Amino acid sequence: EALERSGWMEEAAEVFEHLACTPPASNPFGPHAFWRMRG
């Protein structure tokens, strides 16, 4: 109701369509994460 009243519904629909294309999650652990250690 608020999105339609304010005129932002089409903007929201574009965001939602993009979210549906989110890629599968990957494991955050492993050697690739070494350089993200603080310090």
PDB file of all heavy atoms in Angstrom:
ATOM      1  N   GLU A   1       0.835  -1.205   0.000  1.00  0.00           N
ATOM      2  CA  GLU A   1       0.000   0.000   0.000  1.00  0.00           C
ATOM      3  C   GLU A   1       0.872   1.258   0.000  1.00  0.00           C
ATOM      4  O   GLU A   1       0.623   2.206  -0.759  1.00  0.00           O
ATOM      5  CB  GLU A   1      -0.915  -0.012   1.220  1.00  0.00           C
ATOM      6  CG  GLU A   1      -1.845   1.188   1.335  1.00  0.00           C
ATOM      7  CD  GLU A   1      -2.652   1.161   2.614  1.00  0.00           C
ATOM      8  OE1 GLU A   1      -2.840   0.070   3.198  1.00  0.00           O
ATOM      9  OE2 GLU A   1      -3.100   2.241   3.048  1.00  0.00           O
ATOM     10  N   ALA A   2       1.905   1.269   0.842  1.00  0.00           N
ATOM     11  CA  ALA A   2       2.779   2.445   0.932  1.00  0.00           C
ATOM     12  C   ALA A   2       3.609   2.624  -0.333  1.00  0.00           C
ATOM     13  O   ALA A   2       3.815   3.751  -0.807  1.00  0.00           O
ATOM     14  CB  ALA A   2       3.693   2.318   2.151  1.00  0.00           C
ATOM     15  N   LEU A   3       4.095   1.527  -0.913  1.00  0.00           N
ATOM     16  CA  LEU A   3       4.889   1.615  -2.136  1.00  0.00           C
ATOM     17  C   LEU A   3       4.047   2.130  -3.304  1.00  0.00           C
ATOM     18  O   LEU A   3       4.516   2.955  -4.097  1.00  0.00           O
ATOM     19  CB  LEU A   3       5.480   0.243  -2.479  1.00  0.00           C
ATOM     20  CG  LEU A   3       6.615  -0.260  -1.579  1.00  0.00           C
ATOM     21  CD1 LEU A   3       6.867  -1.745  -1.807  1.00  0.00           C
ATOM     22  CD2 LEU A   3       7.895   0.530  -1.804  1.00  0.00           C
ATOM     23  N   GLU A   4       2.830   1.637  -3.411  1.00  0.00           N
ATOM     24  CA  GLU A   4       1.967   2.097  -4.503  1.00  0.00           C
ATOM     25  C   GLU A   4       1.572   3.554  -4.312  1.00  0.00           C
ATOM     26  O   GLU A   4       1.516   4.329  -5.273  1.00  0.00           O
ATOM     27  CB  GLU A   4       0.737   1.200  -4.576  1.00  0.00           C
ATOM     28  CG  GLU A   4       1.058  -0.212  -5.079  1.00  0.00           C
ATOM     29  CD  GLU A   4      -0.148  -1.125  -5.110  1.00  0.00           C
ATOM     30  OE1 GLU A   4      -1.169  -0.782  -4.437  1.00  0.00           O
ATOM     31  OE2 GLU A   4      -0.082  -2.168  -5.776  1.00  0.00           O
ATOM     32  N   ARG A   5       1.314   3.945  -3.070  1.00  0.00           N
ATOM     33  CA  ARG A   5       0.924   5.325  -2.795  1.00  0.00           C
ATOM     34  C   ARG A   5       2.065   6.296  -3.095  1.00  0.00           C
ATOM     35  O   ARG A   5       1.843   7.397  -3.598  1.00  0.00           O
ATOM     36  CB  ARG A   5       0.491   5.447  -1.330  1.00  0.00           C
ATOM     37  CG  ARG A   5      -0.124   6.790  -0.959  1.00  0.00           C
ATOM     38  CD  ARG A   5      -0.698   6.764   0.448  1.00  0.00           C
ATOM     39  NE  ARG A   5       0.292   6.447   1.452  1.00  0.00           N
ATOM     40  CZ  ARG A   5       0.316   5.330   2.164  1.00  0.00           C
ATOM     41  NH1 ARG A   5      -0.612   4.395   1.977  1.00  0.00           N
ATOM     42  NH2 ARG A   5       1.250   5.119   3.072  1.00  0.00           N
ATOM     43  N   SER A   6       3.302   5.879  -2.810  1.00  0.00           N
ATOM     44  CA  SER A   6       4.458   6.758  -2.995  1.00  0.00           C
ATOM     45  C   SER A   6       5.060   6.668  -4.396  1.00  0.00           C
ATOM     46  O   SER A   6       5.923   7.482  -4.759  1.00  0.00           O
ATOM     47  CB  SER A   6       5.539   6.417  -1.960  1.00  0.00           C
ATOM     48  OG  SER A   6       5.980   5.076  -2.120  1.00  0.00           O
ATOM     49  N   GLY A   7       4.631   5.694  -5.186  1.00  0.00           N
ATOM     50  CA  GLY A   7       5.156   5.548  -6.540  1.00  0.00           C
ATOM     51  C   GLY A   7       6.443   4.764  -6.631  1.00  0.00           C
ATOM     52  O   GLY A   7       7.122   4.808  -7.665  1.00  0.00           O
ATOM     53  N   TRP A   8       6.802   3.995  -5.581  1.00  0.00           N
ATOM     54  CA  TRP A   8       8.063   3.251  -5.582  1.00  0.00           C
ATOM     55  C   TRP A   8       7.877   1.764  -5.875  1.00  0.00           C
ATOM     56  O   TRP A   8       8.832   0.990  -5.780  1.00  0.00           O
ATOM     57  CB  TRP A   8       8.776   3.377  -4.228  1.00  0.00           C
ATOM     58  CG  TRP A   8       9.027   4.767  -3.740  1.00  0.00           C
ATOM     59  CD1 TRP A   8       8.700   5.273  -2.518  1.00  0.00           C
ATOM     60  CD2 TRP A   8       9.680   5.840  -4.431  1.00  0.00           C
ATOM     61  NE1 TRP A   8       9.091   6.579  -2.401  1.00  0.00           N
ATOM     62  CE2 TRP A   8       9.700   6.964  -3.570  1.00  0.00           C
ATOM     63  CE3 TRP A   8      10.235   5.973  -5.700  1.00  0.00           C
ATOM     64  CZ2 TRP A   8      10.248   8.185  -3.928  1.00  0.00           C
ATOM     65  CZ3 TRP A   8      10.782   7.186  -6.064  1.00  0.00           C
ATOM     66  CH2 TRP A   8      10.788   8.268  -5.181  1.00  0.00           C
ATOM     67  N   MET A   9       6.656   1.339  -6.233  1.00  0.00           N
ATOM     68  CA  MET A   9       6.413  -0.096  -6.394  1.00  0.00           C
ATOM     69  C   MET A   9       7.244  -0.693  -7.529  1.00  0.00           C
ATOM     70  O   MET A   9       7.787  -1.792  -7.402  1.00  0.00           O
ATOM     71  CB  MET A   9       4.929  -0.327  -6.662  1.00  0.00           C
ATOM     72  CG  MET A   9       4.497  -1.793  -6.607  1.00  0.00           C
ATOM     73  SD  MET A   9       4.584  -2.496  -4.952  1.00  0.00           S
ATOM     74  CE  MET A   9       5.655  -3.895  -5.223  1.00  0.00           C
ATOM     75  N   GLU A  10       7.359   0.017  -8.638  1.00  0.00           N
ATOM     76  CA  GLU A  10       8.126  -0.518  -9.763  1.00  0.00           C
ATOM     77  C   GLU A  10       9.609  -0.608  -9.410  1.00  0.00           C
ATOM     78  O   GLU A  10      10.303  -1.553  -9.814  1.00  0.00           O
ATOM     79  CB  GLU A  10       7.929   0.351 -11.000  1.00  0.00           C
ATOM     80  CG  GLU A  10       8.480  -0.284 -12.269  1.00  0.00           C
ATOM     81  CD  GLU A  10       8.212   0.553 -13.504  1.00  0.00           C
ATOM     82  OE1 GLU A  10       7.407   1.500 -13.431  1.00  0.00           O
ATOM     83  OE2 GLU A  10       8.831   0.255 -14.545  1.00  0.00           O
ATOM     84  N   GLU A  11      10.099   0.372  -8.659  1.00  0.00           N
ATOM     85  CA  GLU A  11      11.491   0.301  -8.205  1.00  0.00           C
ATOM     86  C   GLU A  11      11.701  -0.937  -7.347  1.00  0.00           C
ATOM     87  O   GLU A  11      12.690  -1.669  -7.505  1.00  0.00           O
ATOM     88  CB  GLU A  11      11.848   1.558  -7.418  1.00  0.00           C
ATOM     89  CG  GLU A  11      13.270   1.533  -6.862  1.00  0.00           C
ATOM     90  CD  GLU A  11      13.579   2.736  -5.980  1.00  0.00           C
ATOM     91  OE1 GLU A  11      12.633   3.383  -5.491  1.00  0.00           O
ATOM     92  OE2 GLU A  11      14.776   3.006  -5.770  1.00  0.00           O
ATOM     93  N   ALA A  12      10.773  -1.178  -6.410  1.00  0.00           N
ATOM     94  CA  ALA A  12      10.890  -2.344  -5.537  1.00  0.00           C
ATOM     95  C   ALA A  12      10.859  -3.634  -6.349  1.00  0.00           C
ATOM     96  O   ALA A  12      11.627  -4.565  -6.077  1.00  0.00           O
ATOM     97  CB  ALA A  12       9.767  -2.334  -4.503  1.00  0.00           C
ATOM     98  N   ALA A  13       9.996  -3.703  -7.361  1.00  0.00           N
ATOM     99  CA  ALA A  13       9.897  -4.915  -8.171  1.00  0.00           C
ATOM    100  C   ALA A  13      11.217  -5.229  -8.867  1.00  0.00           C
ATOM    101  O   ALA A  13      11.594  -6.400  -9.000  1.00  0.00           O
ATOM    102  CB  ALA A  13       8.767  -4.757  -9.199  1.00  0.00           C
ATOM    103  N   GLU A  14      11.943  -4.196  -9.301  1.00  0.00           N
ATOM    104  CA  GLU A  14      13.253  -4.428  -9.929  1.00  0.00           C
ATOM    105  C   GLU A  14      14.239  -5.012  -8.928  1.00  0.00           C
ATOM    106  O   GLU A  14      15.024  -5.913  -9.250  1.00  0.00           O
ATOM    107  CB  GLU A  14      13.796  -3.121 -10.502  1.00  0.00           C
ATOM    108  CG  GLU A  14      13.116  -2.701 -11.785  1.00  0.00           C
ATOM    109  CD  GLU A  14      13.765  -1.488 -12.426  1.00  0.00           C
ATOM    110  OE1 GLU A  14      14.776  -0.982 -11.887  1.00  0.00           O
ATOM    111  OE2 GLU A  14      13.274  -1.033 -13.474  1.00  0.00           O
ATOM    112  N   VAL A  15      14.215  -4.504  -7.694  1.00  0.00           N
ATOM    113  CA  VAL A  15      15.098  -5.037  -6.653  1.00  0.00           C
ATOM    114  C   VAL A  15      14.749  -6.496  -6.367  1.00  0.00           C
ATOM    115  O   VAL A  15      15.631  -7.367  -6.267  1.00  0.00           O
ATOM    116  CB  VAL A  15      14.989  -4.199  -5.367  1.00  0.00           C
ATOM    117  CG1 VAL A  15      15.769  -4.855  -4.221  1.00  0.00           C
ATOM    118  CG2 VAL A  15      15.505  -2.787  -5.606  1.00  0.00           C
ATOM    119  N   PHE A  16      13.448  -6.796  -6.259  1.00  0.00           N
ATOM    120  CA  PHE A  16      13.031  -8.159  -5.941  1.00  0.00           C
ATOM    121  C   PHE A  16      13.422  -9.135  -7.055  1.00  0.00           C
ATOM    122  O   PHE A  16      13.838 -10.268  -6.784  1.00  0.00           O
ATOM    123  CB  PHE A  16      11.516  -8.206  -5.723  1.00  0.00           C
ATOM    124  CG  PHE A  16      11.014  -7.292  -4.633  1.00  0.00           C
ATOM    125  CD1 PHE A  16       9.706  -6.838  -4.637  1.00  0.00           C
ATOM    126  CD2 PHE A  16      11.847  -6.873  -3.605  1.00  0.00           C
ATOM    127  CE1 PHE A  16       9.230  -6.014  -3.642  1.00  0.00           C
ATOM    128  CE2 PHE A  16      11.388  -6.027  -2.606  1.00  0.00           C
ATOM    129  CZ  PHE A  16      10.060  -5.589  -2.624  1.00  0.00           C
ATOM    130  N   GLU A  17      13.314  -8.700  -8.285  1.00  0.00           N
ATOM    131  CA  GLU A  17      13.709  -9.557  -9.410  1.00  0.00           C
ATOM    132  C   GLU A  17      15.206  -9.850  -9.371  1.00  0.00           C
ATOM    133  O   GLU A  17      15.650 -10.974  -9.651  1.00  0.00           O
ATOM    134  CB  GLU A  17      13.331  -8.883 -10.723  1.00  0.00           C
ATOM    135  CG  GLU A  17      13.575  -9.737 -11.950  1.00  0.00           C
ATOM    136  CD  GLU A  17      13.108  -9.078 -13.237  1.00  0.00           C
ATOM    137  OE1 GLU A  17      12.506  -7.984 -13.165  1.00  0.00           O
ATOM    138  OE2 GLU A  17      13.342  -9.661 -14.309  1.00  0.00           O
ATOM    139  N   HIS A  18      15.985  -8.840  -8.995  1.00  0.00           N
ATOM    140  CA  HIS A  18      17.430  -9.037  -8.876  1.00  0.00           C
ATOM    141  C   HIS A  18      17.756 -10.014  -7.744  1.00  0.00           C
ATOM    142  O   HIS A  18      18.658 -10.854  -7.876  1.00  0.00           O
ATOM    143  CB  HIS A  18      18.101  -7.684  -8.626  1.00  0.00           C
ATOM    144  CG  HIS A  18      19.590  -7.752  -8.540  1.00  0.00           C
ATOM    145  ND1 HIS A  18      20.401  -7.967  -9.633  1.00  0.00           N
ATOM    146  CD2 HIS A  18      20.436  -7.647  -7.477  1.00  0.00           C
ATOM    147  CE1 HIS A  18      21.666  -7.986  -9.264  1.00  0.00           C
ATOM    148  NE2 HIS A  18      21.707  -7.794  -7.961  1.00  0.00           N
ATOM    149  N   LEU A  19      17.027  -9.943  -6.625  1.00  0.00           N
ATOM    150  CA  LEU A  19      17.264 -10.843  -5.499  1.00  0.00           C
ATOM    151  C   LEU A  19      17.017 -12.304  -5.889  1.00  0.00           C
ATOM    152  O   LEU A  19      17.709 -13.203  -5.402  1.00  0.00           O
ATOM    153  CB  LEU A  19      16.371 -10.469  -4.324  1.00  0.00           C
ATOM    154  CG  LEU A  19      16.745  -9.192  -3.564  1.00  0.00           C
ATOM    155  CD1 LEU A  19      15.635  -8.813  -2.592  1.00  0.00           C
ATOM    156  CD2 LEU A  19      18.064  -9.371  -2.814  1.00  0.00           C
ATOM    157  N   ALA A  20      16.056 -12.538  -6.753  1.00  0.00           N
ATOM    158  CA  ALA A  20      15.764 -13.907  -7.185  1.00  0.00           C
ATOM    159  C   ALA A  20      16.948 -14.515  -7.928  1.00  0.00           C
ATOM    160  O   ALA A  20      17.073 -15.744  -8.004  1.00  0.00           O
ATOM    161  CB  ALA A  20      14.514 -13.934  -8.060  1.00  0.00           C
ATOM    162  N   CYS A  21      17.819 -13.674  -8.474  1.00  0.00           N
ATOM    163  CA  CYS A  21      18.994 -14.146  -9.221  1.00  0.00           C
ATOM    164  C   CYS A  21      20.246 -14.256  -8.358  1.00  0.00           C
ATOM    165  O   CYS A  21      21.352 -14.472  -8.884  1.00  0.00           O
ATOM    166  CB  CYS A  21      19.262 -13.206 -10.393  1.00  0.00           C
ATOM    167  SG  CYS A  21      17.903 -13.100 -11.573  1.00  0.00           S
ATOM    168  N   THR A  22      20.108 -14.101  -7.039  1.00  0.00           N
ATOM    169  CA  THR A  22      21.250 -14.237  -6.135  1.00  0.00           C
ATOM    170  C   THR A  22      21.932 -15.594  -6.361  1.00  0.00           C
ATOM    171  O   THR A  22      21.258 -16.628  -6.414  1.00  0.00           O
ATOM    172  CB  THR A  22      20.781 -14.150  -4.669  1.00  0.00           C
ATOM    173  OG1 THR A  22      20.156 -12.878  -4.445  1.00  0.00           O
ATOM    174  CG2 THR A  22      21.947 -14.322  -3.703  1.00  0.00           C
ATOM    175  N   PRO A  23      23.260 -15.630  -6.514  1.00  0.00           N
ATOM    176  CA  PRO A  23      23.931 -16.914  -6.748  1.00  0.00           C
ATOM    177  C   PRO A  23      23.951 -17.777  -5.488  1.00  0.00           C
ATOM    178  O   PRO A  23      23.759 -17.269  -4.376  1.00  0.00           O
ATOM    179  CB  PRO A  23      25.345 -16.505  -7.156  1.00  0.00           C
ATOM    180  CG  PRO A  23      25.542 -15.155  -6.536  1.00  0.00           C
ATOM    181  CD  PRO A  23      24.196 -14.490  -6.551  1.00  0.00           C
ATOM    182  N   PRO A  24      24.183 -19.080  -5.628  1.00  0.00           N
ATOM    183  CA  PRO A  24      24.271 -19.951  -4.447  1.00  0.00           C
ATOM    184  C   PRO A  24      25.381 -19.501  -3.507  1.00  0.00           C
ATOM    185  O   PRO A  24      26.411 -18.973  -3.937  1.00  0.00           O
ATOM    186  CB  PRO A  24      24.577 -21.325  -5.047  1.00  0.00           C
ATOM    187  CG  PRO A  24      24.130 -21.242  -6.466  1.00  0.00           C
ATOM    188  CD  PRO A  24      24.327 -19.818  -6.888  1.00  0.00           C
ATOM    189  N   ALA A  25      25.168 -19.703  -2.222  1.00  0.00           N
ATOM    190  CA  ALA A  25      26.174 -19.339  -1.227  1.00  0.00           C
ATOM    191  C   ALA A  25      27.407 -20.223  -1.386  1.00  0.00           C
ATOM    192  O   ALA A  25      27.320 -21.376  -1.803  1.00  0.00           O
ATOM    193  CB  ALA A  25      25.598 -19.488   0.180  1.00  0.00           C
ATOM    194  N   SER A  26      28.567 -19.665  -1.055  1.00  0.00           N
ATOM    195  CA  SER A  26      29.811 -20.425  -1.052  1.00  0.00           C
ATOM    196  C   SER A  26      30.376 -20.445   0.358  1.00  0.00           C
ATOM    197  O   SER A  26      29.997 -19.623   1.201  1.00  0.00           O
ATOM    198  CB  SER A  26      30.827 -19.809  -2.019  1.00  0.00           C
ATOM    199  OG  SER A  26      31.075 -18.458  -1.674  1.00  0.00           O
ATOM    200  N   ASN A  27      31.270 -21.379   0.611  1.00  0.00           N
ATOM    201  CA  ASN A  27      31.839 -21.491   1.956  1.00  0.00           C
ATOM    202  C   ASN A  27      32.781 -20.316   2.213  1.00  0.00           C
ATOM    203  O   ASN A  27      33.709 -20.079   1.438  1.00  0.00           O
ATOM    204  CB  ASN A  27      32.595 -22.814   2.091  1.00  0.00           C
ATOM    205  CG  ASN A  27      32.860 -23.175   3.544  1.00  0.00           C
ATOM    206  OD1 ASN A  27      33.314 -22.355   4.327  1.00  0.00           O
ATOM    207  ND2 ASN A  27      32.566 -24.408   3.907  1.00  0.00           N
ATOM    208  N   PRO A  28      32.554 -19.565   3.320  1.00  0.00           N
ATOM    209  CA  PRO A  28      33.411 -18.413   3.584  1.00  0.00           C
ATOM    210  C   PRO A  28      34.774 -18.787   4.131  1.00  0.00           C
ATOM    211  O   PRO A  28      35.658 -17.927   4.237  1.00  0.00           O
ATOM    212  CB  PRO A  28      32.615 -17.628   4.629  1.00  0.00           C
ATOM    213  CG  PRO A  28      31.842 -18.676   5.364  1.00  0.00           C
ATOM    214  CD  PRO A  28      31.492 -19.715   4.334  1.00  0.00           C
ATOM    215  N   PHE A  29      34.961 -20.059   4.492  1.00  0.00           N
ATOM    216  CA  PHE A  29      36.222 -20.487   5.078  1.00  0.00           C
ATOM    217  C   PHE A  29      37.163 -21.021   3.997  1.00  0.00           C
ATOM    218  O   PHE A  29      36.814 -21.084   2.832  1.00  0.00           O
ATOM    219  CB  PHE A  29      35.969 -21.546   6.151  1.00  0.00           C
ATOM    220  CG  PHE A  29      34.960 -21.131   7.182  1.00  0.00           C
ATOM    221  CD1 PHE A  29      33.882 -21.941   7.498  1.00  0.00           C
ATOM    222  CD2 PHE A  29      35.078 -19.897   7.824  1.00  0.00           C
ATOM    223  CE1 PHE A  29      32.940 -21.560   8.439  1.00  0.00           C
ATOM    224  CE2 PHE A  29      34.149 -19.498   8.766  1.00  0.00           C
ATOM    225  CZ  PHE A  29      33.077 -20.329   9.066  1.00  0.00           C
ATOM    226  N   GLY A  30      38.348 -21.422   4.397  1.00  0.00           N
ATOM    227  CA  GLY A  30      39.320 -21.937   3.456  1.00  0.00           C
ATOM    228  C   GLY A  30      40.489 -20.978   3.273  1.00  0.00           C
ATOM    229  O   GLY A  30      40.478 -19.846   3.780  1.00  0.00           O
ATOM    230  N   PRO A  31      41.525 -21.404   2.537  1.00  0.00           N
ATOM    231  CA  PRO A  31      42.740 -20.576   2.383  1.00  0.00           C
ATOM    232  C   PRO A  31      42.492 -19.207   1.775  1.00  0.00           C
ATOM    233  O   PRO A  31      43.227 -18.259   2.052  1.00  0.00           O
ATOM    234  CB  PRO A  31      43.617 -21.438   1.456  1.00  0.00           C
ATOM    235  CG  PRO A  31      43.163 -22.840   1.698  1.00  0.00           C
ATOM    236  CD  PRO A  31      41.689 -22.745   1.948  1.00  0.00           C
ATOM    237  N   HIS A  32      41.456 -19.076   0.945  1.00  0.00           N
ATOM    238  CA  HIS A  32      41.205 -17.790   0.282  1.00  0.00           C
ATOM    239  C   HIS A  32      40.884 -16.683   1.279  1.00  0.00           C
ATOM    240  O   HIS A  32      40.993 -15.500   0.950  1.00  0.00           O
ATOM    241  CB  HIS A  32      40.046 -17.939  -0.704  1.00  0.00           C
ATOM    242  CG  HIS A  32      38.743 -18.293  -0.051  1.00  0.00           C
ATOM    243  ND1 HIS A  32      38.409 -19.591   0.257  1.00  0.00           N
ATOM    244  CD2 HIS A  32      37.713 -17.532   0.381  1.00  0.00           C
ATOM    245  CE1 HIS A  32      37.223 -19.607   0.843  1.00  0.00           C
ATOM    246  NE2 HIS A  32      36.776 -18.376   0.931  1.00  0.00           N
ATOM    247  N   ALA A  33      40.471 -17.056   2.512  1.00  0.00           N
ATOM    248  CA  ALA A  33      40.080 -16.048   3.500  1.00  0.00           C
ATOM    249  C   ALA A  33      41.268 -15.555   4.334  1.00  0.00           C
ATOM    250  O   ALA A  33      41.099 -14.674   5.181  1.00  0.00           O
ATOM    251  CB  ALA A  33      39.000 -16.618   4.415  1.00  0.00           C
ATOM    252  N   PHE A  34      42.462 -16.096   4.096  1.00  0.00           N
ATOM    253  CA  PHE A  34      43.625 -15.756   4.933  1.00  0.00           C
ATOM    254  C   PHE A  34      43.883 -14.258   4.974  1.00  0.00           C
ATOM    255  O   PHE A  34      44.113 -13.676   6.039  1.00  0.00           O
ATOM    256  CB  PHE A  34      44.853 -16.498   4.411  1.00  0.00           C
ATOM    257  CG  PHE A  34      46.143 -16.122   5.102  1.00  0.00           C
ATOM    258  CD1 PHE A  34      46.425 -16.587   6.367  1.00  0.00           C
ATOM    259  CD2 PHE A  34      47.081 -15.304   4.474  1.00  0.00           C
ATOM    260  CE1 PHE A  34      47.614 -16.254   7.006  1.00  0.00           C
ATOM    261  CE2 PHE A  34      48.264 -14.968   5.094  1.00  0.00           C
ATOM    262  CZ  PHE A  34      48.534 -15.449   6.370  1.00  0.00           C
ATOM    263  N   TRP A  35      43.841 -13.611   3.819  1.00  0.00           N
ATOM    264  CA  TRP A  35      44.221 -12.197   3.752  1.00  0.00           C
ATOM    265  C   TRP A  35      43.155 -11.269   4.294  1.00  0.00           C
ATOM    266  O   TRP A  35      43.372 -10.063   4.365  1.00  0.00           O
ATOM    267  CB  TRP A  35      44.596 -11.832   2.315  1.00  0.00           C
ATOM    268  CG  TRP A  35      45.855 -12.516   1.892  1.00  0.00           C
ATOM    269  CD1 TRP A  35      45.975 -13.649   1.147  1.00  0.00           C
ATOM    270  CD2 TRP A  35      47.183 -12.144   2.238  1.00  0.00           C
ATOM    271  NE1 TRP A  35      47.283 -14.003   1.002  1.00  0.00           N
ATOM    272  CE2 TRP A  35      48.059 -13.090   1.657  1.00  0.00           C
ATOM    273  CE3 TRP A  35      47.735 -11.087   2.980  1.00  0.00           C
ATOM    274  CZ2 TRP A  35      49.434 -13.023   1.789  1.00  0.00           C
ATOM    275  CZ3 TRP A  35      49.113 -11.008   3.117  1.00  0.00           C
ATOM    276  CH2 TRP A  35      49.938 -11.971   2.529  1.00  0.00           C
ATOM    277  N   ARG A  36      42.023 -11.832   4.698  1.00  0.00           N
ATOM    278  CA  ARG A  36      40.994 -11.008   5.336  1.00  0.00           C
ATOM    279  C   ARG A  36      41.161 -10.948   6.851  1.00  0.00           C
ATOM    280  O   ARG A  36      40.425 -10.248   7.537  1.00  0.00           O
ATOM    281  CB  ARG A  36      39.595 -11.539   5.006  1.00  0.00           C
ATOM    282  CG  ARG A  36      39.232 -11.418   3.536  1.00  0.00           C
ATOM    283  CD  ARG A  36      37.727 -11.454   3.326  1.00  0.00           C
ATOM    284  NE  ARG A  36      37.142 -12.718   3.750  1.00  0.00           N
ATOM    285  CZ  ARG A  36      36.939 -13.763   2.937  1.00  0.00           C
ATOM    286  NH1 ARG A  36      37.289 -13.682   1.663  1.00  0.00           N
ATOM    287  NH2 ARG A  36      36.379 -14.868   3.383  1.00  0.00           N
ATOM    288  N   MET A  37      42.133 -11.685   7.394  1.00  0.00           N
ATOM    289  CA  MET A  37      42.380 -11.649   8.834  1.00  0.00           C
ATOM    290  C   MET A  37      42.856 -10.261   9.255  1.00  0.00           C
ATOM    291  O   MET A  37      43.773  -9.699   8.646  1.00  0.00           O
ATOM    292  CB  MET A  37      43.441 -12.677   9.238  1.00  0.00           C
ATOM    293  CG  MET A  37      42.973 -14.106   9.211  1.00  0.00           C
ATOM    294  SD  MET A  37      44.285 -15.229   9.763  1.00  0.00           S
ATOM    295  CE  MET A  37      44.422 -14.766  11.486  1.00  0.00           C
ATOM    296  N   ARG A  38      42.269  -9.742  10.295  1.00  0.00           N
ATOM    297  CA  ARG A  38      42.699  -8.439  10.806  1.00  0.00           C
ATOM    298  C   ARG A  38      44.062  -8.586  11.473  1.00  0.00           C
ATOM    299  O   ARG A  38      44.247  -9.411  12.363  1.00  0.00           O
ATOM    300  CB  ARG A  38      41.682  -7.903  11.813  1.00  0.00           C
ATOM    301  CG  ARG A  38      42.003  -6.530  12.354  1.00  0.00           C
ATOM    302  CD  ARG A  38      40.914  -6.012  13.260  1.00  0.00           C
ATOM    303  NE  ARG A  38      39.649  -5.865  12.550  1.00  0.00           N
ATOM    304  CZ  ARG A  38      38.518  -5.448  13.121  1.00  0.00           C
ATOM    305  NH1 ARG A  38      38.506  -5.175  14.433  1.00  0.00           N
ATOM    306  NH2 ARG A  38      37.418  -5.324  12.415  1.00  0.00           N
ATOM    307  N   GLY A  39      45.025  -7.821  11.034  1.00  0.00           N
ATOM    308  CA  GLY A  39      46.357  -7.852  11.611  1.00  0.00           C
ATOM    309  C   GLY A  39      47.382  -8.579  10.774  1.00  0.00           C
ATOM    310  O   GLY A  39      48.584  -8.499  11.041  1.00  0.00           O
TER     311      GLY A  39
END
